[in-house]
Amino acid sequence: MKLTLAGPPGSGKSTVRRLLADKYGLEIRSTGDFMRQMSLEQGFQDITQFLTEFVTSHPEVDRKIDEAQRKFGEENENFVLDAHLGFHCVPDACKILLTVSEEVAAERIFSAHRATEGAKNIEESIHANRQRYLTMRQNFQRLYGVDIADPANFDLIIDTSQLTPEGILHQIDTHLLEQDSQ
């Protein structure tokens, strides 16, 4: 089973990927974890600042990560890939988009006290999340001509704003069962 998860910051990708990995015995890959680590290595404490000030002017970072995703998808069968461009890099996967309201996303990120997300309050978190997602969206549009927010790129879209992680998992399970029966 190949699954890709995409969505804006705070949509629940990290939580859902762990639930899917546990339930289905899947390996986890995440470009967000890699980017957070890389931002620290480059001296950035804030991932939004890293994306807007470094990655935008160094497209080789995205290309390197995306090529690794593509290769991983070709060489492996049982995984969940948490990656904004995973749907594009692993076209034979079940492609899932998690959406969320800006306010809920900001509250989730702010309450999690993520080390590389420097917002000091909910308003700053909303602004940083919006800037981060817009930057990623523009970078991928420029690099590949792909819109990471286009619903046509996905097999399943779930608004996580009012759902528990278990509710999200239930919707994915239902979709996967429907796909298996076809």
Protein backbone atom coordinates (compact mmCIF):
# COMPACT_ATOMS: atom_id res chain seq x y z
CA MET A 1 0.00 0.00 0.00
CA LYS A 2 1.38 3.37 -1.06
CA LEU A 3 -0.16 6.44 0.54
CA THR A 4 0.77 10.10 0.23
CA LEU A 5 -0.45 12.82 2.61
CA ALA A 6 -0.42 16.48 1.69
CA GLY A 7 -1.91 19.60 3.18
CA PRO A 8 -1.07 22.89 4.80
CA PRO A 9 0.87 23.13 8.06
CA GLY A 10 -1.29 22.08 11.00
CA SER A 11 -3.69 19.94 8.98
CA GLY A 12 -2.75 16.80 10.90
CA LYS A 13 -0.35 15.08 8.51
CA SER A 14 2.12 14.00 11.21
CA THR A 15 -0.57 12.56 13.46
CA VAL A 16 -2.39 10.80 10.63
CA ARG A 17 0.79 9.32 9.18
CA ARG A 18 1.60 7.72 12.56
CA LEU A 19 -1.91 6.28 12.85
CA LEU A 20 -1.77 4.89 9.30
CA ALA A 21 1.70 3.43 9.84
CA ASP A 22 0.61 1.73 13.05
CA LYS A 23 -2.64 0.38 11.64
CA TYR A 24 -1.28 -0.91 8.33
CA GLY A 25 2.35 -1.62 9.27
CA LEU A 26 3.67 1.02 6.89
CA GLU A 27 7.05 2.69 6.79
CA ILE A 28 6.93 6.46 7.33
CA ARG A 29 8.67 9.07 5.21
CA SER A 30 8.28 12.80 5.79
CA THR A 31 9.78 15.72 3.92
CA GLY A 32 8.66 18.10 6.69
CA ASP A 33 10.91 16.37 9.22
CA PHE A 34 13.80 16.58 6.77
CA MET A 35 13.14 20.28 6.07
CA ARG A 36 12.95 21.13 9.79
CA GLN A 37 16.29 19.42 10.36
CA MET A 38 17.83 21.13 7.33
CA SER A 39 16.59 24.53 8.52
CA LEU A 40 18.36 24.04 11.85
CA GLU A 41 21.53 22.89 10.07
CA GLN A 42 21.45 26.07 7.96
CA GLY A 43 21.10 28.18 11.13
CA PHE A 44 17.38 28.96 10.85
CA GLN A 45 15.29 28.54 13.99
CA ASP A 46 12.08 29.30 12.08
CA ILE A 47 11.04 27.02 9.20
CA THR A 48 9.00 29.75 7.50
CA GLN A 49 12.07 31.98 7.42
CA PHE A 50 14.13 29.06 6.07
CA LEU A 51 11.64 28.45 3.27
CA THR A 52 11.21 32.08 2.28
CA GLU A 53 14.85 33.16 2.64
CA PHE A 54 16.82 30.03 1.72
CA VAL A 55 14.84 27.38 -0.14
CA THR A 56 13.19 29.87 -2.51
CA SER A 57 16.60 30.96 -3.74
CA HIS A 58 18.07 27.43 -3.62
CA PRO A 59 15.76 25.28 -5.77
CA GLU A 60 18.26 22.44 -5.57
CA VAL A 61 16.94 21.76 -2.04
CA ASP A 62 13.42 21.00 -3.33
CA ARG A 63 14.74 19.09 -6.33
CA LYS A 64 16.94 16.90 -4.14
CA ILE A 65 14.07 16.11 -1.75
CA ASP A 66 11.60 15.49 -4.57
CA GLU A 67 13.95 13.16 -6.43
CA ALA A 68 14.45 11.18 -3.22
CA GLN A 69 10.65 10.89 -2.89
CA ARG A 70 10.28 9.70 -6.46
CA LYS A 71 13.00 7.11 -6.07
CA PHE A 72 11.62 5.93 -2.73
CA GLY A 73 8.16 5.52 -4.28
CA GLU A 74 9.54 3.43 -7.13
CA GLU A 75 11.61 1.17 -4.87
CA ASN A 76 9.11 0.57 -2.04
CA GLU A 77 5.58 -0.74 -1.68
CA ASN A 78 4.32 -0.27 1.89
CA PHE A 79 4.64 3.29 3.11
CA VAL A 80 2.95 6.52 3.98
CA LEU A 81 4.70 9.58 2.60
CA ASP A 82 3.97 12.88 4.32
CA ALA A 83 5.00 15.31 1.58
CA HIS A 84 3.38 18.29 -0.09
CA LEU A 85 4.50 17.07 -3.49
CA GLY A 86 4.17 13.33 -2.76
CA PHE A 87 1.17 12.99 -5.09
CA HIS A 88 3.36 14.22 -7.95
CA CYS A 89 6.46 12.20 -7.06
CA VAL A 90 4.62 8.92 -6.41
CA PRO A 91 1.77 8.89 -8.96
CA ASP A 92 0.75 5.28 -8.24
CA ALA A 93 -0.04 6.02 -4.58
CA CYS A 94 -3.42 6.74 -3.02
CA LYS A 95 -3.16 10.53 -2.78
CA ILE A 96 -4.78 12.15 0.28
CA LEU A 97 -5.13 15.89 0.91
CA LEU A 98 -5.84 17.08 4.45
CA THR A 99 -7.28 20.58 4.69
CA VAL A 100 -7.89 22.73 7.76
CA SER A 101 -9.03 26.23 8.67
CA GLU A 102 -6.20 28.70 9.25
CA GLU A 103 -7.30 29.29 12.85
CA VAL A 104 -7.38 25.60 13.79
CA ALA A 105 -4.03 25.00 12.09
CA ALA A 106 -2.42 27.89 13.95
CA GLU A 107 -3.79 26.68 17.29
CA ARG A 108 -2.48 23.14 16.65
CA ILE A 109 0.99 24.32 15.72
CA PHE A 110 1.21 26.93 18.45
CA SER A 111 0.04 24.51 21.15
CA ALA A 112 2.54 21.88 19.98
CA HIS A 113 5.39 24.37 20.57
CA ARG A 114 7.25 23.27 17.46
CA ALA A 115 10.88 24.29 17.84
CA THR A 116 11.31 25.56 14.27
CA GLU A 117 8.12 27.58 14.13
CA GLY A 118 8.78 30.83 15.91
CA ALA A 119 5.31 32.33 16.35
CA LYS A 120 4.72 33.92 19.74
CA ASN A 121 0.91 33.90 19.53
CA ILE A 122 -1.96 32.57 17.41
CA GLU A 123 -2.02 35.61 15.11
CA GLU A 124 1.68 35.23 14.33
CA SER A 125 1.14 31.51 13.79
CA ILE A 126 -1.66 32.18 11.28
CA HIS A 127 0.55 34.64 9.40
CA ALA A 128 3.58 32.30 9.43
CA ASN A 129 1.53 29.30 8.28
CA ARG A 130 -0.04 31.30 5.47
CA GLN A 131 3.37 32.59 4.33
CA ARG A 132 4.95 29.14 4.58
CA TYR A 133 2.24 27.42 2.55
CA LEU A 134 2.12 30.20 -0.05
CA THR A 135 5.91 30.01 -0.45
CA MET A 136 5.83 26.23 -0.92
CA ARG A 137 2.94 26.51 -3.34
CA GLN A 138 4.75 29.15 -5.42
CA ASN A 139 8.04 27.22 -5.34
CA PHE A 140 6.42 24.02 -6.63
CA GLN A 141 4.44 25.93 -9.24
CA ARG A 142 7.64 27.55 -10.49
CA LEU A 143 9.75 24.36 -10.35
CA TYR A 144 7.28 21.82 -11.69
CA GLY A 145 4.15 23.65 -12.86
CA VAL A 146 2.20 21.82 -10.14
CA ASP A 147 -0.30 23.37 -7.72
CA ILE A 148 -0.13 21.51 -4.40
CA ALA A 149 -3.58 22.84 -3.46
CA ASP A 150 -5.43 21.71 -6.61
CA PRO A 151 -8.08 19.16 -5.55
CA ALA A 152 -7.76 17.41 -8.93
CA ASN A 153 -4.39 16.05 -7.78
CA PHE A 154 -5.92 13.94 -5.01
CA ASP A 155 -8.01 10.79 -4.59
CA LEU A 156 -9.41 11.82 -1.19
CA ILE A 157 -9.79 15.23 0.46
CA ILE A 158 -10.60 15.53 4.17
CA ASP A 159 -11.23 18.75 6.11
CA THR A 160 -9.65 17.95 9.49
CA SER A 161 -10.78 21.15 11.24
CA GLN A 162 -13.50 19.49 13.31
CA LEU A 163 -12.38 15.85 13.21
CA THR A 164 -10.49 13.76 15.73
CA PRO A 165 -7.50 11.81 14.44
CA GLU A 166 -9.64 8.67 14.71
CA GLY A 167 -12.36 10.32 12.61
CA ILE A 168 -9.81 11.16 9.93
CA LEU A 169 -8.48 7.59 10.01
CA HIS A 170 -12.03 6.27 9.64
CA GLN A 171 -12.57 8.33 6.48
CA ILE A 172 -9.30 7.06 5.02
CA ASP A 173 -10.15 3.45 5.95
CA THR A 174 -13.53 3.79 4.27
CA HIS A 175 -11.93 5.17 1.11
CA LEU A 176 -9.32 2.40 1.01
CA LEU A 177 -11.99 -0.29 1.46
CA GLU A 178 -14.04 1.24 -1.38
CA GLN A 179 -10.95 1.25 -3.61
CA ASP A 180 -10.20 -2.39 -2.77
CA SER A 181 -13.74 -3.47 -3.64
CA GLN A 182 -13.56 -1.91 -7.11
